[in-house]
Protein backbone atom coordinates (compact mmCIF):
# COMPACT_ATOMS: atom_id res chain seq x y z
CA UNK A 1 6.74 -34.03 -16.88
CA UNK A 2 4.58 -32.20 -14.34
CA UNK A 3 1.81 -29.81 -15.42
CA UNK A 4 3.88 -26.91 -14.07
CA UNK A 5 6.90 -27.86 -16.21
CA UNK A 6 4.68 -28.33 -19.30
CA UNK A 7 3.16 -24.91 -18.72
CA UNK A 8 6.64 -23.41 -18.39
CA UNK A 9 7.68 -24.89 -21.75
CA UNK A 10 4.44 -23.72 -23.34
CA UNK A 11 5.20 -20.16 -22.17
CA UNK A 12 8.73 -20.39 -23.62
CA UNK A 13 7.34 -21.59 -26.95
CA UNK A 14 5.80 -18.13 -27.44
CA UNK A 15 9.27 -16.55 -27.73
CA UNK A 16 9.47 -17.58 -31.41
CA UNK A 17 5.89 -16.62 -32.25
CA UNK A 18 5.17 -13.50 -34.38
CA UNK A 19 2.82 -12.30 -31.62
CA UNK A 20 5.40 -12.78 -28.87
CA UNK A 21 5.06 -9.21 -27.57
CA UNK A 22 1.31 -9.64 -27.14
CA UNK A 23 1.92 -13.00 -25.49
CA UNK A 24 4.29 -11.29 -23.03
CA UNK A 25 1.63 -8.68 -22.26
CA UNK A 26 -1.04 -11.36 -21.76
CA UNK A 27 1.25 -13.50 -19.58
CA UNK A 28 2.20 -10.52 -17.39
CA UNK A 29 -1.49 -9.61 -17.07
CA UNK A 30 -2.57 -13.14 -16.17
CA UNK A 31 0.28 -13.81 -13.73
CA UNK A 32 -0.65 -10.77 -11.66
CA UNK A 33 -4.03 -12.21 -10.79
CA UNK A 34 -4.16 -15.98 -11.32
CA UNK A 35 -1.55 -17.59 -13.65
CA UNK A 36 1.33 -19.59 -12.07
CA UNK A 37 4.25 -18.88 -14.43
CA UNK A 38 6.02 -15.51 -13.95
CA UNK A 39 6.43 -13.35 -17.05
CA UNK A 40 10.21 -13.25 -16.47
CA UNK A 41 10.45 -16.58 -18.32
CA UNK A 42 9.20 -15.11 -21.59
CA UNK A 43 10.78 -11.70 -20.93
CA UNK A 44 14.22 -13.30 -20.64
CA UNK A 45 13.77 -15.32 -23.84
CA UNK A 46 12.61 -12.25 -25.79
CA UNK A 47 15.40 -10.03 -24.46
CA UNK A 48 18.00 -12.62 -25.42
CA UNK A 49 16.48 -12.99 -28.89
CA UNK A 50 16.31 -9.23 -29.54
CA UNK A 51 18.57 -7.42 -27.05
CA UNK A 52 17.94 -4.00 -28.61
CA UNK A 53 14.25 -4.33 -27.71
CA UNK A 54 14.92 -5.44 -24.12
CA UNK A 55 13.64 -2.23 -22.51
CA UNK A 56 10.59 -2.20 -24.76
CA UNK A 57 9.78 -5.71 -23.56
CA UNK A 58 10.23 -4.56 -19.96
CA UNK A 59 7.72 -1.74 -20.56
CA UNK A 60 5.20 -4.12 -22.16
CA UNK A 61 5.66 -6.55 -19.28
CA UNK A 62 5.20 -3.78 -16.71
CA UNK A 63 2.03 -2.44 -18.33
CA UNK A 64 0.55 -5.94 -18.59
CA UNK A 65 1.47 -6.72 -15.00
CA UNK A 66 0.01 -3.49 -13.58
CA UNK A 67 -3.24 -3.95 -15.53
CA UNK A 68 -3.37 -7.58 -14.38
CA UNK A 69 -2.75 -6.34 -10.85
CA UNK A 70 -5.82 -4.15 -11.20
CA UNK A 71 -7.78 -7.25 -12.22
CA UNK A 72 -6.46 -9.02 -9.12
CA UNK A 73 -7.42 -6.00 -7.02
CA UNK A 74 -10.96 -6.11 -8.47
CA UNK A 75 -11.17 -9.83 -7.72
CA UNK A 76 -10.13 -9.20 -4.14
CA UNK A 77 -12.48 -6.29 -3.68
CA UNK A 78 -15.62 -7.65 -5.32
CA UNK A 79 -15.19 -11.40 -5.71
CA UNK A 80 -12.95 -12.41 -2.84
CA UNK A 81 -15.02 -15.30 -1.47
CA UNK A 82 -16.04 -16.75 -4.84
CA UNK A 83 -12.83 -16.19 -6.87
CA UNK A 84 -10.05 -14.58 -4.79
CA UNK A 85 -9.95 -17.08 -1.94
CA UNK A 86 -9.92 -20.10 -4.32
CA UNK A 87 -6.98 -18.55 -6.22
CA UNK A 88 -5.03 -18.06 -2.99
CA UNK A 89 -5.93 -21.55 -1.79
CA UNK A 90 -4.90 -23.11 -5.12
CA UNK A 91 -1.40 -21.66 -4.75
CA UNK A 92 -1.18 -22.46 -1.05
CA UNK A 93 -1.11 -18.79 -0.13
CA UNK A 94 -3.89 -18.76 2.46
CA UNK A 95 -1.39 -19.73 5.19
CA UNK A 96 0.30 -16.39 4.51
CA UNK A 97 -2.91 -14.35 4.48
CA UNK A 98 -2.29 -13.05 8.01
CA UNK A 99 1.33 -12.19 7.18
CA UNK A 100 0.23 -10.25 4.10
CA UNK A 101 -2.41 -8.43 6.14
CA UNK A 102 0.26 -7.47 8.69
CA UNK A 103 2.55 -6.21 5.91
CA UNK A 104 -0.27 -4.00 4.66
CA UNK A 105 -0.96 -2.75 8.18
CA UNK A 106 2.69 -1.82 8.68
CA UNK A 107 3.72 -0.65 5.20
CA UNK A 108 0.45 0.10 3.40
CA UNK A 109 0.98 0.26 -0.37
CA UNK A 110 4.76 -0.15 -0.05
CA UNK A 111 4.05 -3.83 0.59
CA UNK A 112 2.74 -4.01 -2.99
CA UNK A 113 5.84 -2.28 -4.38
CA UNK A 114 8.16 -4.61 -2.50
CA UNK A 115 6.14 -7.67 -3.54
CA UNK A 116 6.34 -6.48 -7.15
CA UNK A 117 10.12 -6.71 -6.93
CA UNK A 118 10.44 -10.07 -5.22
CA UNK A 119 9.77 -13.67 -6.18
CA UNK A 120 6.76 -13.68 -3.81
CA UNK A 121 3.70 -14.49 -5.96
CA UNK A 122 2.45 -11.04 -6.92
CA UNK A 123 -1.12 -12.31 -7.19
CA UNK A 124 -1.14 -12.81 -3.41
CA UNK A 125 -0.69 -9.07 -3.01
CA UNK A 126 -2.99 -7.91 -5.80
CA UNK A 127 -5.94 -10.00 -4.63
CA UNK A 128 -5.41 -9.16 -0.96
CA UNK A 129 -4.93 -5.44 -1.75
CA UNK A 130 -8.49 -5.43 -3.06
CA UNK A 131 -9.77 -7.53 -0.17
CA UNK A 132 -8.18 -5.14 2.36
CA UNK A 133 -9.29 -2.11 0.30
CA UNK A 134 -5.84 -0.60 0.02
CA UNK A 135 -5.76 2.85 -1.63
CA UNK A 136 -6.23 2.27 -5.37
CA UNK A 137 -4.00 5.18 -6.55
CA UNK A 138 -1.30 4.07 -4.12
CA UNK A 139 -1.67 0.48 -5.28
CA UNK A 140 -1.24 1.51 -8.93
CA UNK A 141 1.79 3.72 -8.16
CA UNK A 142 3.48 1.02 -6.07
CA UNK A 143 2.76 -1.59 -8.75
CA UNK A 144 4.30 0.57 -11.47
CA UNK A 145 7.41 1.19 -9.37
CA UNK A 146 7.83 -2.40 -8.13
CA UNK A 147 7.08 -4.20 -11.37
CA UNK A 148 8.85 -1.60 -13.52
CA UNK A 149 12.03 -1.89 -11.48
CA UNK A 150 11.93 -5.68 -11.48
CA UNK A 151 11.39 -6.09 -15.23
CA UNK A 152 13.68 -3.17 -16.00
CA UNK A 153 16.48 -4.78 -13.98
CA UNK A 154 16.09 -8.07 -15.85
CA UNK A 155 15.99 -6.30 -19.24
CA UNK A 156 19.02 -4.15 -18.42
CA UNK A 157 21.13 -7.10 -17.31
CA UNK A 158 20.21 -9.03 -20.45
CA UNK A 159 20.73 -6.02 -22.72
CA UNK A 160 24.20 -5.44 -21.31
CA UNK A 161 25.48 -8.99 -20.79
CA UNK A 162 23.23 -11.38 -22.73
CA UNK A 163 23.44 -15.12 -22.09
CA UNK A 164 25.82 -14.93 -19.09
CA UNK A 165 23.31 -12.58 -17.46
CA UNK A 166 20.49 -15.07 -18.11
CA UNK A 167 22.41 -17.81 -16.34
CA UNK A 168 23.14 -15.45 -13.44
CA UNK A 169 19.48 -14.34 -13.25
CA UNK A 170 18.24 -17.95 -13.37
CA UNK A 171 20.48 -18.84 -10.43
CA UNK A 172 20.05 -15.69 -8.35
CA UNK A 173 16.78 -13.93 -9.28
CA UNK A 174 15.33 -14.37 -5.80
CA UNK A 175 18.40 -12.99 -4.06
CA UNK A 176 18.81 -10.16 -6.58
CA UNK A 177 15.24 -8.95 -6.22
CA UNK A 178 15.29 -9.20 -2.42
CA UNK A 179 18.59 -7.28 -2.30
CA UNK A 180 17.17 -4.66 -4.67
CA UNK A 181 14.02 -4.37 -2.54
CA UNK A 182 16.09 -3.95 0.64
CA UNK A 183 18.16 -1.23 -1.02
CA UNK A 184 15.00 0.50 -2.28
CA UNK A 185 13.31 0.40 1.13
CA UNK A 186 16.54 1.49 2.82
CA UNK A 187 16.80 4.42 0.43
CA UNK A 188 13.25 5.52 1.19
CA UNK A 189 13.94 5.17 4.91
CA UNK A 190 17.09 7.33 4.66
CA UNK A 191 15.19 9.98 2.67
CA UNK A 192 12.34 9.96 5.19
CA UNK A 193 14.75 10.32 8.14
CA UNK A 194 16.55 13.18 6.37
CA UNK A 195 13.33 15.14 5.90
């Protein structure tokens, strides 16, 4: 079993722990700046185990992720060369550095919101947001919207449909989040054109 698969199973093992909610918070925090396993893994397990608490878990996950995003932002802003660059290199994200920079140039903080929705490693955007000195209030707002919508969507699907939703999410999470991001951006575009 690869280290990545072992780490995945270790994350899942927290679902049965009495401190599972804190583990979800910590995982969401860590994933936003350096950890490889997305918090969706534990979020899904917790929502299936206690469907009535699904939205609470989504809130915990969002708060942890936004605070972790701030840590990533701080790494990018103050420790890019010593910590931020090695994180991006470890995950093979340096090849996309120029693409991320272009996304920020074109969309500013909306790039963070869109990244928060998609399967793109969020840490790539949190660290680079600090390195490119993106507006901090805008970064926080976009993070709350993007991450909140992503985790809220997962929690809602699991709350409403349980195990069949988990199987659907496992198979189609990437497509679902990209479609949701396209609809969100399209909606903002329509509103902007109408004003």
